[in-house]
Amino acid sequence: MVDENEIEGTVTEGVGKLKDAAGGLTGDTSTQAEGKIDQLQGKVQSEYGDLLEQARDQFEDVTAMMRDQPLAAIGIAAGVGFLLGWLLTPSR
């Protein structure tokens, strides 16, 4: 499933490319600069949407693992808890 940020970012990036090209053709540096900014904003928004989608996929994988293998999930949680406790103990 594609995140809406990916779609909006791609559209914004495309509009930015058009503004950049139009500014270049007409010699309007302001429009050209706006286009470059829109391209960058669109790229960032698209990447953000991609990261959100990856995080959702990872969360679904972990949830499925916890559901399918509850003892392994408890063991991993206990190990992480032990490790964090060991790392955060000041008298180490």
PDB file of N, CA and C in Angstrom:
ATOM      1  N   MET A   1       0.845  -1.185   0.000  1.00  0.00           N
ATOM      2  CA  MET A   1       0.000   0.000   0.000  1.00  0.00           C
ATOM      3  C   MET A   1       0.888   1.247   0.000  1.00  0.00           C
ATOM      4  N   VAL A   2       0.622   2.146  -0.880  1.00  0.00           N
ATOM      5  CA  VAL A   2       1.415   3.360  -1.003  1.00  0.00           C
ATOM      6  C   VAL A   2       0.880   4.409  -0.033  1.00  0.00           C
ATOM      7  N   ASP A   3       1.784   5.032   0.699  1.00  0.00           N
ATOM      8  CA  ASP A   3       1.418   6.074   1.654  1.00  0.00           C
ATOM      9  C   ASP A   3       1.040   7.348   0.902  1.00  0.00           C
ATOM     10  N   GLU A   4       0.081   8.092   1.445  1.00  0.00           N
ATOM     11  CA  GLU A   4      -0.371   9.317   0.768  1.00  0.00           C
ATOM     12  C   GLU A   4       0.743  10.351   0.689  1.00  0.00           C
ATOM     13  N   ASN A   5       1.688  10.313   1.631  1.00  0.00           N
ATOM     14  CA  ASN A   5       2.821  11.239   1.567  1.00  0.00           C
ATOM     15  C   ASN A   5       3.693  10.961   0.350  1.00  0.00           C
ATOM     16  N   GLU A   6       3.820   9.690  -0.018  1.00  0.00           N
ATOM     17  CA  GLU A   6       4.593   9.349  -1.211  1.00  0.00           C
ATOM     18  C   GLU A   6       3.942   9.943  -2.457  1.00  0.00           C
ATOM     19  N   ILE A   7       2.615   9.829  -2.530  1.00  0.00           N
ATOM     20  CA  ILE A   7       1.879  10.356  -3.696  1.00  0.00           C
ATOM     21  C   ILE A   7       1.976  11.872  -3.748  1.00  0.00           C
ATOM     22  N   GLU A   8       1.674  12.524  -2.617  1.00  0.00           N
ATOM     23  CA  GLU A   8       1.721  13.986  -2.575  1.00  0.00           C
ATOM     24  C   GLU A   8       3.134  14.492  -2.858  1.00  0.00           C
ATOM     25  N   GLY A   9       4.136  13.806  -2.319  1.00  0.00           N
ATOM     26  CA  GLY A   9       5.522  14.203  -2.548  1.00  0.00           C
ATOM     27  C   GLY A   9       5.906  14.089  -4.005  1.00  0.00           C
ATOM     28  N   THR A  10       5.464  13.019  -4.647  1.00  0.00           N
ATOM     29  CA  THR A  10       5.764  12.833  -6.067  1.00  0.00           C
ATOM     30  C   THR A  10       5.116  13.919  -6.905  1.00  0.00           C
ATOM     31  N   VAL A  11       3.868  14.273  -6.565  1.00  0.00           N
ATOM     32  CA  VAL A  11       3.165  15.343  -7.287  1.00  0.00           C
ATOM     33  C   VAL A  11       3.875  16.678  -7.070  1.00  0.00           C
ATOM     34  N   THR A  12       4.235  16.977  -5.816  1.00  0.00           N
ATOM     35  CA  THR A  12       4.922  18.236  -5.521  1.00  0.00           C
ATOM     36  C   THR A  12       6.257  18.309  -6.249  1.00  0.00           C
ATOM     37  N   GLU A  13       6.955  17.186  -6.282  1.00  0.00           N
ATOM     38  CA  GLU A  13       8.236  17.144  -6.991  1.00  0.00           C
ATOM     39  C   GLU A  13       8.042  17.394  -8.489  1.00  0.00           C
ATOM     40  N   GLY A  14       6.986  16.821  -9.061  1.00  0.00           N
ATOM     41  CA  GLY A  14       6.689  17.025 -10.480  1.00  0.00           C
ATOM     42  C   GLY A  14       6.332  18.467 -10.788  1.00  0.00           C
ATOM     43  N   VAL A  15       5.523  19.069  -9.921  1.00  0.00           N
ATOM     44  CA  VAL A  15       5.159  20.483 -10.094  1.00  0.00           C
ATOM     45  C   VAL A  15       6.418  21.346  -9.999  1.00  0.00           C
ATOM     46  N   GLY A  16       7.295  20.985  -9.076  1.00  0.00           N
ATOM     47  CA  GLY A  16       8.553  21.730  -8.938  1.00  0.00           C
ATOM     48  C   GLY A  16       9.399  21.654 -10.197  1.00  0.00           C
ATOM     49  N   LYS A  17       9.439  20.490 -10.821  1.00  0.00           N
ATOM     50  CA  LYS A  17      10.206  20.344 -12.060  1.00  0.00           C
ATOM     51  C   LYS A  17       9.620  21.224 -13.157  1.00  0.00           C
ATOM     52  N   LEU A  18       8.280  21.268 -13.209  1.00  0.00           N
ATOM     53  CA  LEU A  18       7.630  22.123 -14.206  1.00  0.00           C
ATOM     54  C   LEU A  18       7.933  23.594 -13.952  1.00  0.00           C
ATOM     55  N   LYS A  19       7.863  24.028 -12.687  1.00  0.00           N
ATOM     56  CA  LYS A  19       8.169  25.422 -12.355  1.00  0.00           C
ATOM     57  C   LYS A  19       9.618  25.750 -12.694  1.00  0.00           C
ATOM     58  N   ASP A  20      10.505  24.814 -12.364  1.00  0.00           N
ATOM     59  CA  ASP A  20      11.925  25.011 -12.646  1.00  0.00           C
ATOM     60  C   ASP A  20      12.143  25.181 -14.148  1.00  0.00           C
ATOM     61  N   ALA A  21      11.530  24.322 -14.925  1.00  0.00           N
ATOM     62  CA  ALA A  21      11.675  24.398 -16.383  1.00  0.00           C
ATOM     63  C   ALA A  21      11.060  25.678 -16.931  1.00  0.00           C
ATOM     64  N   ALA A  22       9.870  26.043 -16.440  1.00  0.00           N
ATOM     65  CA  ALA A  22       9.210  27.256 -16.909  1.00  0.00           C
ATOM     66  C   ALA A  22      10.039  28.484 -16.563  1.00  0.00           C
ATOM     67  N   GLY A  23      10.577  28.504 -15.351  1.00  0.00           N
ATOM     68  CA  GLY A  23      11.427  29.628 -14.959  1.00  0.00           C
ATOM     69  C   GLY A  23      12.681  29.708 -15.795  1.00  0.00           C
ATOM     70  N   GLY A  24      13.242  28.556 -16.136  1.00  0.00           N
ATOM     71  CA  GLY A  24      14.432  28.532 -16.979  1.00  0.00           C
ATOM     72  C   GLY A  24      14.152  29.034 -18.386  1.00  0.00           C
ATOM     73  N   LEU A  25      12.991  28.665 -18.924  1.00  0.00           N
ATOM     74  CA  LEU A  25      12.627  29.098 -20.281  1.00  0.00           C
ATOM     75  C   LEU A  25      12.338  30.588 -20.352  1.00  0.00           C
ATOM     76  N   THR A  26      11.671  31.100 -19.302  1.00  0.00           N
ATOM     77  CA  THR A  26      11.287  32.515 -19.320  1.00  0.00           C
ATOM     78  C   THR A  26      12.344  33.421 -18.706  1.00  0.00           C
ATOM     79  N   GLY A  27      13.347  32.832 -18.084  1.00  0.00           N
ATOM     80  CA  GLY A  27      14.377  33.644 -17.437  1.00  0.00           C
ATOM     81  C   GLY A  27      13.952  34.173 -16.083  1.00  0.00           C
ATOM     82  N   ASP A  28      12.881  33.642 -15.542  1.00  0.00           N
ATOM     83  CA  ASP A  28      12.368  34.074 -14.235  1.00  0.00           C
ATOM     84  C   ASP A  28      13.054  33.242 -13.145  1.00  0.00           C
ATOM     85  N   THR A  29      14.092  33.813 -12.538  1.00  0.00           N
ATOM     86  CA  THR A  29      14.868  33.074 -11.537  1.00  0.00           C
ATOM     87  C   THR A  29      14.050  32.785 -10.278  1.00  0.00           C
ATOM     88  N   SER A  30      13.079  33.647  -9.974  1.00  0.00           N
ATOM     89  CA  SER A  30      12.237  33.427  -8.802  1.00  0.00           C
ATOM     90  C   SER A  30      11.401  32.150  -8.967  1.00  0.00           C
ATOM     91  N   THR A  31      10.776  32.002 -10.138  1.00  0.00           N
ATOM     92  CA  THR A  31       9.972  30.802 -10.414  1.00  0.00           C
ATOM     93  C   THR A  31      10.871  29.570 -10.462  1.00  0.00           C
ATOM     94  N   GLN A  32      12.044  29.735 -11.015  1.00  0.00           N
ATOM     95  CA  GLN A  32      12.984  28.626 -11.092  1.00  0.00           C
ATOM     96  C   GLN A  32      13.412  28.189  -9.681  1.00  0.00           C
ATOM     97  N   ALA A  33      13.678  29.145  -8.814  1.00  0.00           N
ATOM     98  CA  ALA A  33      14.058  28.831  -7.429  1.00  0.00           C
ATOM     99  C   ALA A  33      12.897  28.164  -6.693  1.00  0.00           C
ATOM    100  N   GLU A  34      11.694  28.681  -6.905  1.00  0.00           N
ATOM    101  CA  GLU A  34      10.495  28.058  -6.313  1.00  0.00           C
ATOM    102  C   GLU A  34      10.380  26.602  -6.752  1.00  0.00           C
ATOM    103  N   GLY A  35      10.639  26.365  -8.008  1.00  0.00           N
ATOM    104  CA  GLY A  35      10.576  25.010  -8.549  1.00  0.00           C
ATOM    105  C   GLY A  35      11.580  24.085  -7.889  1.00  0.00           C
ATOM    106  N   LYS A  36      12.784  24.586  -7.673  1.00  0.00           N
ATOM    107  CA  LYS A  36      13.810  23.771  -7.025  1.00  0.00           C
ATOM    108  C   LYS A  36      13.421  23.470  -5.574  1.00  0.00           C
ATOM    109  N   ILE A  37      12.840  24.452  -4.894  1.00  0.00           N
ATOM    110  CA  ILE A  37      12.382  24.243  -3.518  1.00  0.00           C
ATOM    111  C   ILE A  37      11.246  23.222  -3.495  1.00  0.00           C
ATOM    112  N   ASP A  38      10.309  23.346  -4.422  1.00  0.00           N
ATOM    113  CA  ASP A  38       9.205  22.382  -4.497  1.00  0.00           C
ATOM    114  C   ASP A  38       9.724  20.970  -4.773  1.00  0.00           C
ATOM    115  N   GLN A  39      10.724  20.866  -5.628  1.00  0.00           N
ATOM    116  CA  GLN A  39      11.306  19.550  -5.918  1.00  0.00           C
ATOM    117  C   GLN A  39      11.890  18.930  -4.650  1.00  0.00           C
ATOM    118  N   LEU A  40      12.615  19.745  -3.888  1.00  0.00           N
ATOM    119  CA  LEU A  40      13.228  19.251  -2.661  1.00  0.00           C
ATOM    120  C   LEU A  40      12.160  18.862  -1.635  1.00  0.00           C
ATOM    121  N   GLN A  41      11.138  19.716  -1.479  1.00  0.00           N
ATOM    122  CA  GLN A  41      10.052  19.399  -0.541  1.00  0.00           C
ATOM    123  C   GLN A  41       9.337  18.117  -0.950  1.00  0.00           C
ATOM    124  N   GLY A  42       9.100  17.966  -2.226  1.00  0.00           N
ATOM    125  CA  GLY A  42       8.431  16.767  -2.716  1.00  0.00           C
ATOM    126  C   GLY A  42       9.256  15.520  -2.475  1.00  0.00           C
ATOM    127  N   LYS A  43      10.554  15.621  -2.700  1.00  0.00           N
ATOM    128  CA  LYS A  43      11.457  14.483  -2.478  1.00  0.00           C
ATOM    129  C   LYS A  43      11.452  14.095  -1.002  1.00  0.00           C
ATOM    130  N   VAL A  44      11.538  15.075  -0.115  1.00  0.00           N
ATOM    131  CA  VAL A  44      11.542  14.806   1.325  1.00  0.00           C
ATOM    132  C   VAL A  44      10.223  14.166   1.750  1.00  0.00           C
ATOM    133  N   GLN A  45       9.116  14.700   1.287  1.00  0.00           N
ATOM    134  CA  GLN A  45       7.809  14.160   1.650  1.00  0.00           C
ATOM    135  C   GLN A  45       7.638  12.733   1.121  1.00  0.00           C
ATOM    136  N   SER A  46       8.105  12.492  -0.068  1.00  0.00           N
ATOM    137  CA  SER A  46       8.021  11.156  -0.657  1.00  0.00           C
ATOM    138  C   SER A  46       8.864  10.156   0.151  1.00  0.00           C
ATOM    139  N   GLU A  47      10.065  10.553   0.525  1.00  0.00           N
ATOM    140  CA  GLU A  47      10.932   9.686   1.327  1.00  0.00           C
ATOM    141  C   GLU A  47      10.328   9.430   2.707  1.00  0.00           C
ATOM    142  N   TYR A  48       9.721  10.465   3.289  1.00  0.00           N
ATOM    143  CA  TYR A  48       9.043  10.317   4.580  1.00  0.00           C
ATOM    144  C   TYR A  48       7.925   9.282   4.470  1.00  0.00           C
ATOM    145  N   GLY A  49       7.141   9.362   3.424  1.00  0.00           N
ATOM    146  CA  GLY A  49       6.071   8.389   3.211  1.00  0.00           C
ATOM    147  C   GLY A  49       6.610   6.983   3.045  1.00  0.00           C
ATOM    148  N   ASP A  50       7.740   6.859   2.341  1.00  0.00           N
ATOM    149  CA  ASP A  50       8.366   5.556   2.156  1.00  0.00           C
ATOM    150  C   ASP A  50       8.840   4.995   3.497  1.00  0.00           C
ATOM    151  N   LEU A  51       9.434   5.849   4.346  1.00  0.00           N
ATOM    152  CA  LEU A  51       9.879   5.403   5.666  1.00  0.00           C
ATOM    153  C   LEU A  51       8.700   4.963   6.530  1.00  0.00           C
ATOM    154  N   LEU A  52       7.596   5.709   6.461  1.00  0.00           N
ATOM    155  CA  LEU A  52       6.402   5.316   7.223  1.00  0.00           C
ATOM    156  C   LEU A  52       5.890   3.956   6.768  1.00  0.00           C
ATOM    157  N   GLU A  53       5.879   3.748   5.482  1.00  0.00           N
ATOM    158  CA  GLU A  53       5.412   2.468   4.943  1.00  0.00           C
ATOM    159  C   GLU A  53       6.323   1.326   5.399  1.00  0.00           C
ATOM    160  N   GLN A  54       7.625   1.551   5.380  1.00  0.00           N
ATOM    161  CA  GLN A  54       8.562   0.528   5.848  1.00  0.00           C
ATOM    162  C   GLN A  54       8.365   0.241   7.334  1.00  0.00           C
ATOM    163  N   ALA A  55       8.139   1.296   8.124  1.00  0.00           N
ATOM    164  CA  ALA A  55       7.920   1.108   9.561  1.00  0.00           C
ATOM    165  C   ALA A  55       6.645   0.305   9.812  1.00  0.00           C
ATOM    166  N   ARG A  56       5.593   0.593   9.058  1.00  0.00           N
ATOM    167  CA  ARG A  56       4.344  -0.181   9.200  1.00  0.00           C
ATOM    168  C   ARG A  56       4.569  -1.649   8.857  1.00  0.00           C
ATOM    169  N   ASP A  57       5.320  -1.897   7.789  1.00  0.00           N
ATOM    170  CA  ASP A  57       5.620  -3.280   7.397  1.00  0.00           C
ATOM    171  C   ASP A  57       6.405  -3.996   8.493  1.00  0.00           C
ATOM    172  N   GLN A  58       7.404  -3.324   9.060  1.00  0.00           N
ATOM    173  CA  GLN A  58       8.198  -3.923  10.130  1.00  0.00           C
ATOM    174  C   GLN A  58       7.331  -4.208  11.354  1.00  0.00           C
ATOM    175  N   PHE A  59       6.446  -3.281  11.691  1.00  0.00           N
ATOM    176  CA  PHE A  59       5.556  -3.466  12.835  1.00  0.00           C
ATOM    177  C   PHE A  59       4.647  -4.675  12.611  1.00  0.00           C
ATOM    178  N   GLU A  60       4.129  -4.808  11.400  1.00  0.00           N
ATOM    179  CA  GLU A  60       3.280  -5.966  11.085  1.00  0.00           C
ATOM    180  C   GLU A  60       4.063  -7.266  11.186  1.00  0.00           C
ATOM    181  N   ASP A  61       5.323  -7.265  10.745  1.00  0.00           N
ATOM    182  CA  ASP A  61       6.161  -8.460  10.841  1.00  0.00           C
ATOM    183  C   ASP A  61       6.416  -8.846  12.297  1.00  0.00           C
ATOM    184  N   VAL A  62       6.734  -7.843  13.117  1.00  0.00           N
ATOM    185  CA  VAL A  62       6.997  -8.112  14.539  1.00  0.00           C
ATOM    186  C   VAL A  62       5.726  -8.597  15.220  1.00  0.00           C
ATOM    187  N   THR A  63       4.601  -7.992  14.912  1.00  0.00           N
ATOM    188  CA  THR A  63       3.324  -8.410  15.498  1.00  0.00           C
ATOM    189  C   THR A  63       2.999  -9.848  15.110  1.00  0.00           C
ATOM    190  N   ALA A  64       3.234 -10.197  13.860  1.00  0.00           N
ATOM    191  CA  ALA A  64       2.973 -11.561  13.411  1.00  0.00           C
ATOM    192  C   ALA A  64       3.903 -12.545  14.110  1.00  0.00           C
ATOM    193  N   MET A  65       5.166 -12.168  14.284  1.00  0.00           N
ATOM    194  CA  MET A  65       6.114 -13.041  14.983  1.00  0.00           C
ATOM    195  C   MET A  65       5.692 -13.242  16.430  1.00  0.00           C
ATOM    196  N   MET A  66       5.249 -12.180  17.076  1.00  0.00           N
ATOM    197  CA  MET A  66       4.811 -12.278  18.471  1.00  0.00           C
ATOM    198  C   MET A  66       3.581 -13.169  18.593  1.00  0.00           C
ATOM    199  N   ARG A  67       2.714 -13.093  17.624  1.00  0.00           N
ATOM    200  CA  ARG A  67       1.499 -13.900  17.642  1.00  0.00           C
ATOM    201  C   ARG A  67       1.817 -15.371  17.356  1.00  0.00           C
ATOM    202  N   ASP A  68       2.722 -15.605  16.419  1.00  0.00           N
ATOM    203  CA  ASP A  68       3.047 -16.968  16.015  1.00  0.00           C
ATOM    204  C   ASP A  68       4.032 -17.657  16.960  1.00  0.00           C
ATOM    205  N   GLN A  69       4.925 -16.876  17.570  1.00  0.00           N
ATOM    206  CA  GLN A  69       5.949 -17.441  18.445  1.00  0.00           C
ATOM    207  C   GLN A  69       6.031 -16.641  19.749  1.00  0.00           C
ATOM    208  N   PRO A  70       5.025 -16.773  20.619  1.00  0.00           N
ATOM    209  CA  PRO A  70       4.989 -15.943  21.824  1.00  0.00           C
ATOM    210  C   PRO A  70       6.162 -16.190  22.772  1.00  0.00           C
ATOM    211  N   LEU A  71       6.634 -17.432  22.898  1.00  0.00           N
ATOM    212  CA  LEU A  71       7.754 -17.702  23.804  1.00  0.00           C
ATOM    213  C   LEU A  71       9.046 -17.051  23.308  1.00  0.00           C
ATOM    214  N   ALA A  72       9.267 -17.091  22.021  1.00  0.00           N
ATOM    215  CA  ALA A  72      10.443 -16.433  21.460  1.00  0.00           C
ATOM    216  C   ALA A  72      10.355 -14.919  21.683  1.00  0.00           C
ATOM    217  N   ALA A  73       9.161 -14.357  21.519  1.00  0.00           N
ATOM    218  CA  ALA A  73       8.975 -12.920  21.734  1.00  0.00           C
ATOM    219  C   ALA A  73       9.255 -12.542  23.183  1.00  0.00           C
ATOM    220  N   ILE A  74       8.801 -13.364  24.125  1.00  0.00           N
ATOM    221  CA  ILE A  74       9.062 -13.102  25.543  1.00  0.00           C
ATOM    222  C   ILE A  74      10.559 -13.198  25.821  1.00  0.00           C
ATOM    223  N   GLY A  75      11.210 -14.188  25.229  1.00  0.00           N
ATOM    224  CA  GLY A  75      12.653 -14.341  25.412  1.00  0.00           C
ATOM    225  C   GLY A  75      13.426 -13.149  24.879  1.00  0.00           C
ATOM    226  N   ILE A  76      13.047 -12.674  23.711  1.00  0.00           N
ATOM    227  CA  ILE A  76      13.714 -11.506  23.124  1.00  0.00           C
ATOM    228  C   ILE A  76      13.491 -10.280  23.997  1.00  0.00           C
ATOM    229  N   ALA A  77      12.242 -10.077  24.453  1.00  0.00           N
ATOM    230  CA  ALA A  77      11.935  -8.922  25.310  1.00  0.00           C
ATOM    231  C   ALA A  77      12.733  -8.993  26.605  1.00  0.00           C
ATOM    232  N   ALA A  78      12.840 -10.194  27.198  1.00  0.00           N
ATOM    233  CA  ALA A  78      13.612 -10.346  28.431  1.00  0.00           C
ATOM    234  C   ALA A  78      15.089 -10.047  28.180  1.00  0.00           C
ATOM    235  N   GLY A  79      15.620 -10.532  27.066  1.00  0.00           N
ATOM    236  CA  GLY A  79      17.022 -10.278  26.734  1.00  0.00           C
ATOM    237  C   GLY A  79      17.298  -8.800  26.526  1.00  0.00           C
ATOM    238  N   VAL A  80      16.415  -8.129  25.817  1.00  0.00           N
ATOM    239  CA  VAL A  80      16.583  -6.686  25.587  1.00  0.00           C
ATOM    240  C   VAL A  80      16.488  -5.940  26.910  1.00  0.00           C
ATOM    241  N   GLY A  81      15.527  -6.332  27.762  1.00  0.00           N
ATOM    242  CA  GLY A  81      15.388  -5.694  29.076  1.00  0.00           C
ATOM    243  C   GLY A  81      16.631  -5.883  29.926  1.00  0.00           C
ATOM    244  N   PHE A  82      17.179  -7.093  29.925  1.00  0.00           N
ATOM    245  CA  PHE A  82      18.397  -7.370  30.681  1.00  0.00           C
ATOM    246  C   PHE A  82      19.552  -6.530  30.161  1.00  0.00           C
ATOM    247  N   LEU A  83      19.707  -6.486  28.841  1.00  0.00           N
ATOM    248  CA  LEU A  83      20.791  -5.723  28.235  1.00  0.00           C
ATOM    249  C   LEU A  83      20.679  -4.234  28.558  1.00  0.00           C
ATOM    250  N   LEU A  84      19.464  -3.688  28.439  1.00  0.00           N
ATOM    251  CA  LEU A  84      19.272  -2.270  28.775  1.00  0.00           C
ATOM    252  C   LEU A  84      19.566  -1.994  30.240  1.00  0.00           C
ATOM    253  N   GLY A  85      19.111  -2.893  31.106  1.00  0.00           N
ATOM    254  CA  GLY A  85      19.391  -2.730  32.532  1.00  0.00           C
ATOM    255  C   GLY A  85      20.878  -2.756  32.810  1.00  0.00           C
ATOM    256  N   TRP A  86      21.584  -3.639  32.165  1.00  0.00           N
ATOM    257  CA  TRP A  86      23.034  -3.751  32.349  1.00  0.00           C
ATOM    258  C   TRP A  86      23.730  -2.494  31.830  1.00  0.00           C
ATOM    259  N   LEU A  87      23.304  -2.010  30.652  1.00  0.00           N
ATOM    260  CA  LEU A  87      23.940  -0.837  30.067  1.00  0.00           C
ATOM    261  C   LEU A  87      23.665   0.449  30.857  1.00  0.00           C
ATOM    262  N   LEU A  88      22.497   0.524  31.457  1.00  0.00           N
ATOM    263  CA  LEU A  88      22.096   1.751  32.145  1.00  0.00           C
ATOM    264  C   LEU A  88      22.438   1.758  33.631  1.00  0.00           C
ATOM    265  N   THR A  89      23.022   0.690  34.133  1.00  0.00           N
ATOM    266  CA  THR A  89      23.408   0.654  35.545  1.00  0.00           C
ATOM    267  C   THR A  89      24.655   1.501  35.748  1.00  0.00           C
ATOM    268  N   PRO A  90      24.590   2.490  36.640  1.00  0.00           N
ATOM    269  CA  PRO A  90      25.718   3.414  36.803  1.00  0.00           C
ATOM    270  C   PRO A  90      26.958   2.773  37.433  1.00  0.00           C
ATOM    271  N   SER A  91      26.831   1.701  38.170  1.00  0.00           N
ATOM    272  CA  SER A  91      27.994   1.142  38.873  1.00  0.00           C
ATOM    273  C   SER A  91      28.793   0.155  38.020  1.00  0.00           C
ATOM    274  N   ARG A  92      28.596   0.168  36.756  1.00  0.00           N
ATOM    275  CA  ARG A  92      29.309  -0.729  35.841  1.00  0.00           C
ATOM    276  C   ARG A  92      30.732  -0.388  35.748  1.00  0.00           C
TER     277      ARG A  92
END
